[in-house]
Amino acid sequence: MLNGGDRRHGPPVSEGEVHELLPSSIATTSPTSIQKHGSRFTLSFESNHAHPSGSAISRTSSHRELFAWGGGKEAGNHNLALFEEPSMPFFSSYLKAHTTPGPLERMQSENQKKKADLGVMLGVYLPTIQHILGVTMFIRLFWVVGIAGLGQTFVLLFLCCLCTFLTCISISAVATNGVVESGGAYFMISRNLGPEFGSAVGLLFYLANTVATSMYLVGGVEILLLYIFPGLTIGGPEVHSQTDTFGMMTNNLRFYSTLLLLLEFIIVAMGVKFVQMLAPVSLVCVILSILACYAGGIEKTVNPDAGLRVCMYGDHLLQSKFVIPKDNGSIYDMCDYCNLNNSYLVENLCPGRNCSADVFYTPLTCVNGFPGFKNNLGSQYIGKFYTTVEDKADLKRDVFQDVNTSFWVLLAIYFPAVTGIFTGANMSGDLKNPQQSIPKGTIAATLTTSFIYFSLAFVFGATISGSVLRDKNGQSMGGSMVVAALSWPSAWVLLVGSFLSTFGAALQCLCSAPRLLQSIAKDDVIPILTPFRRSRRIMNLLWV
């Protein structure tokens, strides 16, 4: 150890060891003289020799003391006396000056890092809207309005939106409470409440994402088989009503959803960048579908005759296949077939002409299924029609309900449609300013989607007949999607948009769920999740 004067003591330093202690740029130059004063050395160099730059060596002096070890008061007055000055030693300062990255190295390093430059609109607002506006809005909201009535539907929507809005306020408070890094909602919860509590919440969040994937896929397959390509149904369109646990239609949903899941797995395996390329396409289609619903409501109000007709047998809504002969008519000509002059209808009402006279006294009426706001302002859509177990419906004749309903059942069915508010928070690592972007974007997206839900519910209730609203699968209109029949200018705008909305939302869930599980595993709170800590991309994909 070097002799440190009055404070530290060690073995004396020889003249030969002085050269070993010098930096390479100085040690290569021979000193003019080395003078020893006790345990203190004084080194002198000629002015024409190389010497390090800095305040420690003067460029104007031909001889200057460079290093000083040793004790005594003389050493304490020297600027370079080791162990005496509280500042950084010269050797450490010299090495740091040559190892600290310069401006060029820092700029190159920053360019190699991923730029987190997403703002409120692209980073939080639009992705959150895309995730919230899912398939349930298109295939179940009108049915909820028909069953619960418009008044109770507003109460139902208010409760759903209130829950998500309160959650948005909470996550906004957490996001503004400190530095937000990558990891999304799980990171914020675990770093504020502790990793144990955060892991418990994060695991539930992971399971919710995986279950939401199945919900989106089943909804997309329902649109595909019922409205876009009915011929793909295994067993034919006749099995569309077999929706019990082991029914043929339920098995169709399982089979095609599995195939669609494998397809999305391949897309996710190609990388997040490829998934993000499909996100704008899906979002644009969803926005166009919503605008088509508004345009259709305006069209039906201005021109009520533009809506499709349905056939009523008393107060029963008849299936179109019961009224119109197969391959011999169109649903646009429903009024031509909805009368007793139609032998096909009479044969179905009274097989073999062996029936009571009451069958022929029950009125047959052809009504407009989309009367518009002016003609549908009364209790037709304000009343509620909860279904209970009563007499079994004629499955071949009537439009029937396949599930018992109540207010809380409808609330449970529709509540998943308002979820997905954490999409923007989960992109915290890609945001330029997460503390500001997450609160603004999430709250704005929640308010926007809440307005869309309330306005669409009003449009559905104000322009569609109550009997048609309760026709969940469009059986009275030849299997057409009720909301698609309302839309303008074409039903295909909504069919394609609703299907792509399910596809895009499922992709977002498949991308976020594995990363969430890996973040939980990295905290090492749940030992069974240790295998999911793998950091390599391919292995992480296969394991998670």
Protein backbone atom coordinates (compact mmCIF):
# COMPACT_ATOMS: atom_id res chain seq x y z
CA MET A 1 0.00 0.00 0.00
CA LEU A 2 1.21 3.52 -0.70
CA ASN A 3 2.37 5.51 2.25
CA GLY A 4 -0.40 7.97 3.02
CA GLY A 5 1.18 10.39 5.45
CA ASP A 6 -0.30 10.91 8.88
CA ARG A 7 -3.62 9.19 8.03
CA ARG A 8 -2.50 5.86 6.54
CA HIS A 9 0.72 3.94 6.75
CA GLY A 10 2.18 1.21 4.59
CA PRO A 11 5.47 -0.09 3.23
CA PRO A 12 7.72 2.47 1.51
CA VAL A 13 7.59 2.84 -2.26
CA SER A 14 10.77 2.32 -4.28
CA GLU A 15 11.83 4.32 -7.32
CA GLY A 16 11.20 1.35 -9.63
CA GLU A 17 7.60 1.08 -8.51
CA VAL A 18 6.93 4.67 -9.46
CA HIS A 19 7.06 3.80 -13.19
CA GLU A 20 4.51 0.98 -12.67
CA LEU A 21 2.06 3.36 -11.01
CA LEU A 22 2.20 5.94 -13.80
CA PRO A 23 -0.35 5.94 -16.67
CA SER A 24 0.88 4.45 -19.92
CA SER A 25 0.95 7.84 -21.66
CA ILE A 26 3.36 9.15 -19.00
CA ALA A 27 5.30 6.02 -18.13
CA THR A 28 6.70 5.80 -21.66
CA THR A 29 8.47 9.15 -21.13
CA SER A 30 11.53 9.03 -18.90
CA PRO A 31 11.57 11.63 -16.13
CA THR A 32 14.42 14.10 -15.97
CA SER A 33 14.86 13.56 -12.25
CA ILE A 34 13.34 11.65 -9.36
CA GLN A 35 14.02 13.18 -5.97
CA LYS A 36 13.21 11.41 -2.74
CA HIS A 37 12.42 13.24 0.45
CA GLY A 38 11.74 10.65 3.08
CA SER A 39 8.78 8.67 1.73
CA ARG A 40 7.87 11.43 -0.71
CA PHE A 41 8.87 11.45 -4.39
CA THR A 42 9.10 14.39 -6.77
CA LEU A 43 9.13 13.69 -10.54
CA SER A 44 10.23 16.26 -13.13
CA PHE A 45 9.87 16.14 -16.93
CA GLU A 46 11.35 18.21 -19.71
CA SER A 47 8.91 20.58 -21.43
CA ASN A 48 9.31 18.94 -24.85
CA HIS A 49 8.07 15.57 -23.59
CA ALA A 50 4.46 14.43 -23.75
CA HIS A 51 2.44 15.02 -20.67
CA PRO A 52 -1.27 14.67 -19.81
CA SER A 53 -3.47 17.69 -20.15
CA GLY A 54 -5.25 19.25 -17.22
CA SER A 55 -4.75 21.55 -14.33
CA ALA A 56 -2.47 19.09 -12.55
CA ILE A 57 0.48 19.87 -14.92
CA SER A 58 1.29 23.33 -16.16
CA ARG A 59 2.15 23.69 -19.83
CA THR A 60 4.27 26.81 -19.17
CA SER A 61 6.59 25.29 -16.59
CA SER A 62 9.54 23.15 -17.65
CA HIS A 63 9.68 21.33 -14.38
CA ARG A 64 6.64 20.55 -12.29
CA GLU A 65 5.84 18.17 -9.51
CA LEU A 66 3.47 15.50 -10.78
CA PHE A 67 2.80 13.10 -7.95
CA ALA A 68 3.42 13.29 -4.26
CA TRP A 69 3.16 10.51 -1.75
CA GLY A 70 4.17 10.85 1.77
CA GLY A 71 3.47 12.39 5.06
CA GLY A 72 4.12 15.59 6.76
CA LYS A 73 2.69 19.02 6.43
CA GLU A 74 4.40 19.52 3.10
CA ALA A 75 2.33 16.75 1.55
CA GLY A 76 -0.85 18.18 2.98
CA ASN A 77 -0.28 21.42 1.11
CA HIS A 78 0.19 19.69 -2.25
CA ASN A 79 -2.76 19.47 -4.68
CA LEU A 80 -1.99 15.88 -5.68
CA ALA A 81 -1.32 14.38 -2.27
CA LEU A 82 -3.15 11.06 -2.27
CA PHE A 83 -5.49 10.24 0.61
CA GLU A 84 -5.36 13.81 1.81
CA GLU A 85 -7.76 15.50 -0.61
CA PRO A 86 -11.46 14.50 -0.41
CA SER A 87 -11.76 14.85 -4.19
CA MET A 88 -11.48 11.96 -6.64
CA PRO A 89 -7.91 10.55 -6.92
CA PHE A 90 -5.96 11.43 -10.02
CA PHE A 91 -5.76 7.85 -11.29
CA SER A 92 -9.54 7.43 -11.09
CA SER A 93 -10.08 10.78 -12.77
CA TYR A 94 -7.64 9.90 -15.53
CA LEU A 95 -9.20 6.49 -16.17
CA LYS A 96 -12.73 7.89 -16.06
CA ALA A 97 -11.80 10.51 -18.64
CA HIS A 98 -10.70 7.75 -21.00
CA THR A 99 -13.53 5.26 -20.31
CA THR A 100 -16.61 7.51 -20.05
CA PRO A 101 -18.46 7.55 -23.41
CA GLY A 102 -18.18 10.79 -25.27
CA PRO A 103 -20.98 12.65 -27.08
CA LEU A 104 -20.59 10.52 -30.22
CA GLU A 105 -20.76 7.24 -28.34
CA ARG A 106 -23.78 8.44 -26.36
CA MET A 107 -25.60 9.48 -29.51
CA GLN A 108 -24.93 6.11 -31.15
CA SER A 109 -26.13 4.29 -28.04
CA GLU A 110 -29.33 6.33 -27.90
CA ASN A 111 -30.00 5.66 -31.57
CA GLN A 112 -29.77 1.94 -30.95
CA LYS A 113 -32.43 2.12 -28.25
CA LYS A 114 -36.09 1.97 -29.13
CA LYS A 115 -37.52 5.43 -29.40
CA ALA A 116 -40.43 5.99 -27.02
CA ASP A 117 -42.13 8.80 -28.87
CA LEU A 118 -45.83 7.82 -28.91
CA GLY A 119 -48.19 10.51 -27.69
CA VAL A 120 -51.71 10.58 -26.35
CA MET A 121 -53.51 9.93 -29.64
CA LEU A 122 -51.48 7.10 -31.19
CA GLY A 123 -50.16 5.62 -27.98
CA VAL A 124 -53.23 5.52 -25.74
CA TYR A 125 -56.45 6.92 -27.18
CA LEU A 126 -56.80 5.02 -30.46
CA PRO A 127 -55.52 1.61 -29.20
CA THR A 128 -57.87 1.79 -26.21
CA ILE A 129 -60.86 2.62 -28.40
CA GLN A 130 -59.99 -0.24 -30.73
CA HIS A 131 -59.92 -2.70 -27.84
CA ILE A 132 -63.12 -1.48 -26.18
CA LEU A 133 -65.29 -1.33 -29.30
CA GLY A 134 -65.59 -5.06 -29.79
CA VAL A 135 -67.99 -7.53 -31.30
CA THR A 136 -70.47 -7.47 -28.39
CA MET A 137 -71.56 -3.99 -29.38
CA PHE A 138 -72.65 -5.24 -32.81
CA ILE A 139 -74.23 -8.61 -32.01
CA ARG A 140 -75.71 -8.12 -28.51
CA LEU A 141 -76.46 -4.44 -27.80
CA PHE A 142 -79.60 -4.34 -29.96
CA TRP A 143 -80.80 -7.58 -28.35
CA VAL A 144 -80.27 -6.12 -24.85
CA VAL A 145 -82.36 -3.10 -25.88
CA GLY A 146 -85.13 -5.38 -27.13
CA ILE A 147 -85.17 -7.48 -23.96
CA ALA A 148 -84.63 -4.86 -21.24
CA GLY A 149 -86.15 -1.85 -22.95
CA LEU A 150 -84.41 1.40 -23.64
CA GLY A 151 -84.80 2.82 -20.12
CA GLN A 152 -83.25 -0.11 -18.29
CA THR A 153 -80.61 -0.45 -21.00
CA PHE A 154 -79.46 3.06 -20.13
CA VAL A 155 -79.23 2.04 -16.46
CA LEU A 156 -77.29 -1.07 -17.43
CA LEU A 157 -74.87 0.91 -19.59
CA PHE A 158 -74.45 3.52 -16.87
CA LEU A 159 -73.37 0.87 -14.34
CA CYS A 160 -70.92 -0.70 -16.79
CA CYS A 161 -69.40 2.60 -17.85
CA LEU A 162 -69.26 3.85 -14.26
CA CYS A 163 -67.13 0.86 -13.23
CA THR A 164 -64.65 1.43 -16.03
CA PHE A 165 -64.56 5.19 -15.46
CA LEU A 166 -63.74 4.77 -11.77
CA THR A 167 -61.02 2.33 -12.74
CA CYS A 168 -59.64 4.88 -15.20
CA ILE A 169 -59.46 7.50 -12.46
CA SER A 170 -57.61 5.06 -10.20
CA ILE A 171 -55.06 4.06 -12.83
CA SER A 172 -54.57 7.72 -13.73
CA ALA A 173 -53.80 8.56 -10.10
CA VAL A 174 -51.25 5.75 -9.93
CA ALA A 175 -49.69 6.77 -13.25
CA THR A 176 -49.16 10.35 -12.06
CA ASN A 177 -47.76 9.24 -8.71
CA GLY A 178 -44.25 8.46 -9.96
CA VAL A 179 -42.08 7.29 -12.81
CA VAL A 180 -43.87 4.85 -15.13
CA GLU A 181 -41.67 2.36 -16.93
CA SER A 182 -42.51 -0.52 -19.25
CA GLY A 183 -44.85 -3.12 -17.79
CA GLY A 184 -48.15 -1.30 -17.96
CA ALA A 185 -50.78 -1.61 -15.29
CA TYR A 186 -49.01 -4.51 -13.61
CA PHE A 187 -45.84 -2.46 -13.18
CA MET A 188 -47.73 0.44 -11.63
CA ILE A 189 -49.70 -1.78 -9.25
CA SER A 190 -46.75 -3.91 -8.16
CA ARG A 191 -44.43 -0.93 -7.60
CA ASN A 192 -47.01 0.98 -5.57
CA LEU A 193 -48.66 -1.82 -3.59
CA GLY A 194 -45.82 -4.32 -3.54
CA PRO A 195 -44.87 -7.27 -5.78
CA GLU A 196 -46.98 -9.76 -3.81
CA PHE A 197 -50.20 -7.83 -4.21
CA GLY A 198 -49.24 -6.86 -7.75
CA SER A 199 -48.62 -10.48 -8.73
CA ALA A 200 -52.05 -11.51 -7.46
CA VAL A 201 -53.76 -8.76 -9.45
CA GLY A 202 -51.50 -9.32 -12.44
CA LEU A 203 -52.30 -13.03 -12.59
CA LEU A 204 -56.01 -12.25 -12.67
CA PHE A 205 -55.32 -9.67 -15.35
CA TYR A 206 -53.46 -12.29 -17.39
CA LEU A 207 -56.34 -14.76 -17.10
CA ALA A 208 -58.77 -12.02 -18.12
CA ASN A 209 -56.77 -11.36 -21.28
CA THR A 210 -56.69 -15.01 -22.24
CA VAL A 211 -60.42 -15.49 -21.64
CA ALA A 212 -61.14 -12.30 -23.57
CA THR A 213 -59.29 -13.81 -26.53
CA SER A 214 -61.71 -16.73 -26.60
CA MET A 215 -64.68 -14.37 -26.32
CA TYR A 216 -63.54 -12.32 -29.31
CA LEU A 217 -62.84 -15.42 -31.39
CA VAL A 218 -66.22 -17.00 -30.64
CA GLY A 219 -67.94 -13.74 -31.52
CA GLY A 220 -66.03 -13.52 -34.78
CA VAL A 221 -66.90 -17.10 -35.71
CA GLU A 222 -70.57 -16.43 -34.95
CA ILE A 223 -70.55 -13.54 -37.42
CA LEU A 224 -68.70 -15.69 -39.95
CA LEU A 225 -71.05 -18.69 -39.79
CA LEU A 226 -74.37 -16.94 -39.29
CA TYR A 227 -74.08 -13.95 -41.57
CA ILE A 228 -71.05 -14.05 -43.90
CA PHE A 229 -70.60 -17.71 -44.93
CA PRO A 230 -73.51 -19.80 -43.57
CA GLY A 231 -72.53 -22.64 -45.88
CA LEU A 232 -69.39 -23.29 -43.82
CA THR A 233 -71.52 -24.52 -40.91
CA ILE A 234 -70.96 -28.22 -40.28
CA GLY A 235 -74.43 -29.76 -40.44
CA GLY A 236 -75.87 -26.94 -42.54
CA PRO A 237 -77.69 -23.73 -41.59
CA GLU A 238 -80.40 -25.84 -39.96
CA VAL A 239 -78.20 -26.34 -36.87
CA HIS A 240 -77.82 -22.62 -36.15
CA SER A 241 -80.42 -22.84 -33.40
CA GLN A 242 -78.66 -25.71 -31.59
CA THR A 243 -76.78 -23.53 -29.12
CA ASP A 244 -76.92 -25.71 -26.01
CA THR A 245 -73.71 -26.95 -24.36
CA PHE A 246 -73.17 -29.88 -26.71
CA GLY A 247 -75.26 -28.62 -29.60
CA MET A 248 -74.02 -28.80 -33.16
CA MET A 249 -73.75 -25.02 -33.48
CA THR A 250 -71.74 -24.85 -30.26
CA ASN A 251 -69.35 -27.47 -31.61
CA ASN A 252 -69.01 -25.42 -34.80
CA LEU A 253 -68.02 -22.42 -32.72
CA ARG A 254 -65.40 -24.48 -30.88
CA PHE A 255 -63.94 -25.95 -34.06
CA TYR A 256 -63.66 -22.77 -36.10
CA SER A 257 -62.51 -20.72 -33.11
CA THR A 258 -59.63 -23.15 -32.62
CA LEU A 259 -58.62 -22.77 -36.27
CA LEU A 260 -58.80 -19.00 -35.98
CA LEU A 261 -56.72 -19.13 -32.80
CA LEU A 262 -53.99 -21.07 -34.61
CA LEU A 263 -54.01 -18.49 -37.41
CA GLU A 264 -53.64 -15.64 -34.93
CA PHE A 265 -50.86 -17.52 -33.15
CA ILE A 266 -48.90 -17.63 -36.40
CA ILE A 267 -49.46 -13.90 -36.92
CA VAL A 268 -48.31 -13.09 -33.37
CA ALA A 269 -45.25 -15.30 -33.87
CA MET A 270 -44.22 -13.11 -36.80
CA GLY A 271 -43.67 -10.20 -34.43
CA VAL A 272 -45.39 -7.27 -32.79
CA LYS A 273 -44.58 -4.99 -35.71
CA PHE A 274 -46.57 -7.20 -38.04
CA VAL A 275 -49.49 -7.20 -35.61
CA GLN A 276 -49.42 -3.40 -35.38
CA MET A 277 -49.67 -3.21 -39.17
CA LEU A 278 -53.14 -4.79 -38.95
CA ALA A 279 -54.33 -2.56 -36.10
CA PRO A 280 -55.08 0.56 -38.20
CA VAL A 281 -57.05 -1.51 -40.72
CA SER A 282 -59.22 -3.00 -38.00
CA LEU A 283 -59.77 0.37 -36.31
CA VAL A 284 -60.80 2.10 -39.54
CA CYS A 285 -63.30 -0.68 -40.28
CA VAL A 286 -64.81 -0.39 -36.80
CA ILE A 287 -65.21 3.38 -37.14
CA LEU A 288 -66.84 2.98 -40.55
CA SER A 289 -69.22 0.38 -39.12
CA ILE A 290 -70.33 2.72 -36.34
CA LEU A 291 -70.85 5.55 -38.80
CA ALA A 292 -72.87 3.18 -41.00
CA CYS A 293 -75.20 2.51 -38.04
CA TYR A 294 -75.77 6.22 -37.48
CA ALA A 295 -76.33 6.75 -41.20
CA GLY A 296 -78.80 3.87 -41.30
CA GLY A 297 -80.79 5.30 -38.41
CA ILE A 298 -81.04 8.64 -40.19
CA GLU A 299 -82.05 6.94 -43.43
CA LYS A 300 -84.81 4.89 -41.77
CA THR A 301 -86.14 8.03 -40.09
CA VAL A 302 -86.22 10.04 -43.30
CA ASN A 303 -87.45 7.14 -45.44
CA PRO A 304 -89.21 4.47 -43.33
CA ASP A 305 -90.08 2.45 -46.42
CA ALA A 306 -86.40 1.59 -46.86
CA GLY A 307 -86.52 -0.96 -44.02
CA LEU A 308 -87.03 -4.70 -44.39
CA ARG A 309 -90.46 -6.21 -43.72
CA VAL A 310 -91.18 -9.08 -41.35
CA CYS A 311 -94.20 -11.36 -40.95
CA MET A 312 -96.19 -11.41 -37.69
CA TYR A 313 -98.57 -14.23 -36.77
CA GLY A 314 -100.64 -12.60 -34.06
CA ASP A 315 -97.96 -11.36 -31.66
CA HIS A 316 -95.45 -14.00 -32.79
CA LEU A 317 -92.62 -13.11 -35.14
CA LEU A 318 -92.30 -15.81 -37.79
CA GLN A 319 -89.08 -17.15 -39.20
CA SER A 320 -88.61 -16.19 -42.84
CA LYS A 321 -87.98 -19.78 -43.90
CA PHE A 322 -91.44 -20.64 -42.54
CA VAL A 323 -93.03 -18.03 -44.83
CA ILE A 324 -90.94 -17.90 -48.00
CA PRO A 325 -90.30 -21.11 -49.98
CA LYS A 326 -86.68 -22.13 -50.11
CA ASP A 327 -84.86 -20.92 -53.25
CA ASN A 328 -88.11 -19.40 -54.52
CA GLY A 329 -88.35 -15.96 -52.98
CA SER A 330 -86.57 -13.04 -51.39
CA ILE A 331 -86.89 -11.41 -48.00
CA TYR A 332 -87.39 -8.11 -49.80
CA ASP A 333 -90.74 -9.51 -51.02
CA MET A 334 -91.94 -10.58 -47.58
CA CYS A 335 -95.33 -8.87 -47.88
CA ASP A 336 -96.12 -10.90 -51.01
CA TYR A 337 -95.84 -14.12 -49.01
CA CYS A 338 -97.19 -13.07 -45.60
CA ASN A 339 -100.86 -13.93 -46.28
CA LEU A 340 -103.16 -16.95 -46.45
CA ASN A 341 -102.92 -16.99 -50.23
CA ASN A 342 -99.45 -18.44 -49.82
CA SER A 343 -99.99 -22.20 -49.98
CA TYR A 344 -96.51 -22.81 -48.60
CA LEU A 345 -97.33 -20.79 -45.47
CA VAL A 346 -100.75 -22.40 -45.07
CA GLU A 347 -99.22 -25.86 -45.31
CA ASN A 348 -96.73 -24.98 -42.59
CA LEU A 349 -99.42 -23.52 -40.34
CA CYS A 350 -101.78 -26.44 -40.83
CA PRO A 351 -99.94 -29.57 -41.97
CA GLY A 352 -102.27 -31.84 -43.94
CA ARG A 353 -105.09 -29.30 -43.45
CA ASN A 354 -105.74 -31.02 -40.14
CA CYS A 355 -105.94 -28.16 -37.66
CA SER A 356 -108.45 -26.05 -35.76
CA ALA A 357 -110.19 -23.03 -37.22
CA ASP A 358 -108.33 -20.74 -34.80
CA VAL A 359 -105.26 -21.08 -36.97
CA PHE A 360 -106.95 -19.23 -39.80
CA TYR A 361 -108.52 -16.59 -37.55
CA THR A 362 -105.17 -15.48 -36.12
CA PRO A 363 -104.17 -12.38 -38.12
CA LEU A 364 -101.17 -12.45 -40.42
CA THR A 365 -99.56 -9.02 -40.83
CA CYS A 366 -96.56 -7.77 -42.73
CA VAL A 367 -94.91 -5.00 -40.70
CA ASN A 368 -91.91 -2.77 -41.19
CA GLY A 369 -89.02 -4.05 -39.08
CA PHE A 370 -87.26 -0.66 -39.23
CA PRO A 371 -90.00 1.97 -38.88
CA GLY A 372 -87.65 4.80 -37.91
CA PHE A 373 -87.70 7.18 -34.98
CA LYS A 374 -90.94 8.99 -35.89
CA ASN A 375 -92.98 5.78 -36.09
CA ASN A 376 -91.31 4.03 -33.14
CA LEU A 377 -91.49 6.66 -30.42
CA GLY A 378 -94.03 4.98 -28.15
CA SER A 379 -93.80 2.15 -25.69
CA GLN A 380 -92.82 -0.24 -28.45
CA TYR A 381 -89.16 0.14 -27.54
CA ILE A 382 -89.47 1.54 -24.02
CA GLY A 383 -91.15 -1.55 -22.61
CA LYS A 384 -89.19 -4.51 -21.29
CA PHE A 385 -89.69 -8.13 -22.27
CA TYR A 386 -87.73 -10.34 -19.90
CA THR A 387 -87.93 -13.98 -20.89
CA THR A 388 -88.82 -16.75 -18.48
CA VAL A 389 -89.55 -20.44 -18.83
CA GLU A 390 -93.08 -20.81 -20.19
CA ASP A 391 -94.68 -22.85 -22.96
CA LYS A 392 -92.17 -24.26 -25.41
CA ALA A 393 -91.99 -22.29 -28.63
CA ASP A 394 -92.48 -23.81 -32.05
CA LEU A 395 -88.85 -24.03 -33.11
CA LYS A 396 -89.73 -24.32 -36.79
CA ARG A 397 -92.19 -21.42 -36.84
CA ASP A 398 -91.46 -18.78 -34.20
CA VAL A 399 -88.49 -16.59 -33.43
CA PHE A 400 -87.57 -17.79 -29.93
CA GLN A 401 -85.13 -17.00 -27.14
CA ASP A 402 -82.51 -19.59 -26.25
CA VAL A 403 -81.69 -18.25 -22.76
CA ASN A 404 -83.59 -17.04 -19.71
CA THR A 405 -82.85 -13.39 -19.01
CA SER A 406 -83.06 -10.80 -16.26
CA PHE A 407 -81.41 -7.46 -15.62
CA TRP A 408 -78.37 -9.03 -13.96
CA VAL A 409 -78.01 -11.68 -16.65
CA LEU A 410 -77.98 -8.98 -19.31
CA LEU A 411 -75.49 -6.98 -17.25
CA ALA A 412 -73.17 -9.98 -17.08
CA ILE A 413 -73.53 -10.58 -20.83
CA TYR A 414 -72.73 -7.03 -21.84
CA PHE A 415 -70.14 -5.99 -19.25
CA PRO A 416 -67.16 -7.52 -21.16
CA ALA A 417 -67.93 -5.06 -23.97
CA VAL A 418 -66.73 -2.10 -21.87
CA THR A 419 -63.42 -3.68 -20.82
CA GLY A 420 -60.05 -3.10 -22.45
CA ILE A 421 -59.27 0.23 -20.81
CA PHE A 422 -55.73 -0.86 -19.87
CA THR A 423 -54.56 -1.10 -23.47
CA GLY A 424 -52.95 2.33 -23.42
CA ALA A 425 -51.46 1.81 -19.97
CA ASN A 426 -49.87 -1.44 -21.14
CA MET A 427 -47.96 0.56 -23.77
CA SER A 428 -46.24 2.67 -21.11
CA GLY A 429 -42.80 1.64 -22.36
CA ASP A 430 -43.54 3.13 -25.78
CA LEU A 431 -44.97 6.43 -24.54
CA LYS A 432 -43.00 9.66 -24.63
CA ASN A 433 -44.62 10.98 -21.46
CA PRO A 434 -46.59 8.20 -19.71
CA GLN A 435 -47.53 10.37 -16.73
CA GLN A 436 -49.57 12.66 -18.99
CA SER A 437 -50.55 10.36 -21.85
CA ILE A 438 -52.10 7.56 -19.78
CA PRO A 439 -54.60 9.72 -17.81
CA LYS A 440 -55.60 11.89 -20.77
CA GLY A 441 -55.87 9.10 -23.33
CA THR A 442 -57.58 6.52 -21.10
CA ILE A 443 -60.21 8.87 -19.69
CA ALA A 444 -60.91 10.36 -23.12
CA ALA A 445 -61.28 6.89 -24.66
CA THR A 446 -63.66 5.80 -21.88
CA LEU A 447 -65.86 8.87 -22.31
CA THR A 448 -65.87 8.45 -26.10
CA THR A 449 -66.87 4.79 -26.02
CA SER A 450 -69.52 5.48 -23.36
CA PHE A 451 -71.09 8.08 -25.64
CA ILE A 452 -71.01 5.61 -28.54
CA TYR A 453 -72.76 2.93 -26.47
CA PHE A 454 -75.53 5.24 -25.27
CA SER A 455 -76.07 6.76 -28.70
CA LEU A 456 -76.14 3.39 -30.48
CA ALA A 457 -78.60 2.01 -27.93
CA PHE A 458 -80.86 4.97 -28.59
CA VAL A 459 -80.53 4.55 -32.38
CA PHE A 460 -81.37 0.84 -32.14
CA GLY A 461 -84.37 1.40 -29.90
CA ALA A 462 -85.65 4.35 -31.90
CA THR A 463 -85.44 2.83 -35.37
CA ILE A 464 -85.92 -0.95 -35.03
CA SER A 465 -89.15 -2.72 -34.12
CA GLY A 466 -89.21 -4.35 -30.70
CA SER A 467 -89.93 -7.82 -32.11
CA VAL A 468 -86.97 -7.54 -34.48
CA LEU A 469 -84.72 -6.30 -31.67
CA ARG A 470 -85.39 -9.56 -29.83
CA ASP A 471 -84.52 -11.57 -32.96
CA LYS A 472 -80.95 -12.22 -31.89
CA ASN A 473 -79.91 -14.24 -34.95
CA GLY A 474 -82.04 -12.48 -37.58
CA GLN A 475 -84.23 -15.50 -38.26
CA SER A 476 -87.13 -13.31 -39.37
CA MET A 477 -84.99 -11.75 -42.11
CA GLY A 478 -83.45 -14.82 -43.70
CA GLY A 479 -80.61 -15.05 -41.17
CA SER A 480 -79.44 -11.48 -41.75
CA MET A 481 -77.67 -9.57 -39.02
CA VAL A 482 -80.13 -7.08 -37.55
CA VAL A 483 -77.61 -4.26 -37.15
CA ALA A 484 -76.25 -4.94 -40.64
CA ALA A 485 -79.76 -4.60 -42.05
CA LEU A 486 -80.00 -1.21 -40.34
CA SER A 487 -76.67 0.11 -41.65
CA TRP A 488 -76.23 2.28 -44.71
CA PRO A 489 -75.12 2.19 -47.52
CA SER A 490 -74.51 -1.57 -47.40
CA ALA A 491 -74.80 -4.35 -44.86
CA TRP A 492 -71.34 -5.57 -45.82
CA VAL A 493 -69.77 -2.48 -44.28
CA LEU A 494 -70.86 -3.61 -40.85
CA LEU A 495 -70.32 -7.33 -41.43
CA VAL A 496 -66.70 -6.89 -42.46
CA GLY A 497 -66.06 -4.23 -39.82
CA SER A 498 -67.50 -6.27 -36.95
CA PHE A 499 -65.53 -9.37 -37.95
CA LEU A 500 -62.26 -7.45 -38.22
CA SER A 501 -62.93 -5.83 -34.85
CA THR A 502 -62.94 -9.28 -33.23
CA PHE A 503 -59.83 -10.32 -35.12
CA GLY A 504 -57.90 -7.20 -34.11
CA ALA A 505 -58.99 -7.29 -30.46
CA ALA A 506 -57.96 -10.96 -30.15
CA LEU A 507 -54.55 -10.13 -31.61
CA GLN A 508 -54.06 -7.39 -29.02
CA CYS A 509 -54.91 -9.82 -26.21
CA LEU A 510 -52.54 -12.47 -27.55
CA CYS A 511 -49.74 -9.90 -27.71
CA SER A 512 -50.22 -8.44 -24.23
CA ALA A 513 -51.03 -11.57 -22.19
CA PRO A 514 -47.64 -13.37 -22.63
CA ARG A 515 -45.69 -10.22 -21.82
CA LEU A 516 -47.76 -9.70 -18.71
CA LEU A 517 -47.08 -13.25 -17.54
CA GLN A 518 -43.36 -12.81 -18.17
CA SER A 519 -43.32 -9.59 -16.12
CA ILE A 520 -44.94 -11.44 -13.23
CA ALA A 521 -42.42 -14.27 -13.53
CA LYS A 522 -39.46 -11.86 -13.50
CA ASP A 523 -40.50 -10.54 -10.08
CA ASP A 524 -39.97 -14.10 -8.77
CA VAL A 525 -42.92 -13.96 -6.39
CA ILE A 526 -44.68 -17.09 -7.70
CA PRO A 527 -42.08 -19.90 -7.99
CA ILE A 528 -44.15 -21.99 -10.39
CA LEU A 529 -43.82 -19.23 -13.00
CA THR A 530 -40.01 -19.41 -13.06
CA PRO A 531 -39.86 -21.18 -16.48
CA PHE A 532 -41.63 -18.19 -18.03
CA ARG A 533 -38.74 -15.85 -17.18
CA ARG A 534 -36.91 -16.78 -20.37
CA SER A 535 -35.82 -13.63 -22.12
CA ARG A 536 -35.09 -14.92 -25.60
CA ARG A 537 -37.85 -14.01 -27.97
CA ILE A 538 -38.52 -17.38 -29.64
CA MET A 539 -38.24 -19.36 -26.43
CA ASN A 540 -40.41 -16.84 -24.63
CA LEU A 541 -43.07 -17.20 -27.32
CA LEU A 542 -43.03 -21.00 -27.10
CA TRP A 543 -43.12 -21.07 -23.31
CA VAL A 544 -45.49 -18.22 -22.56
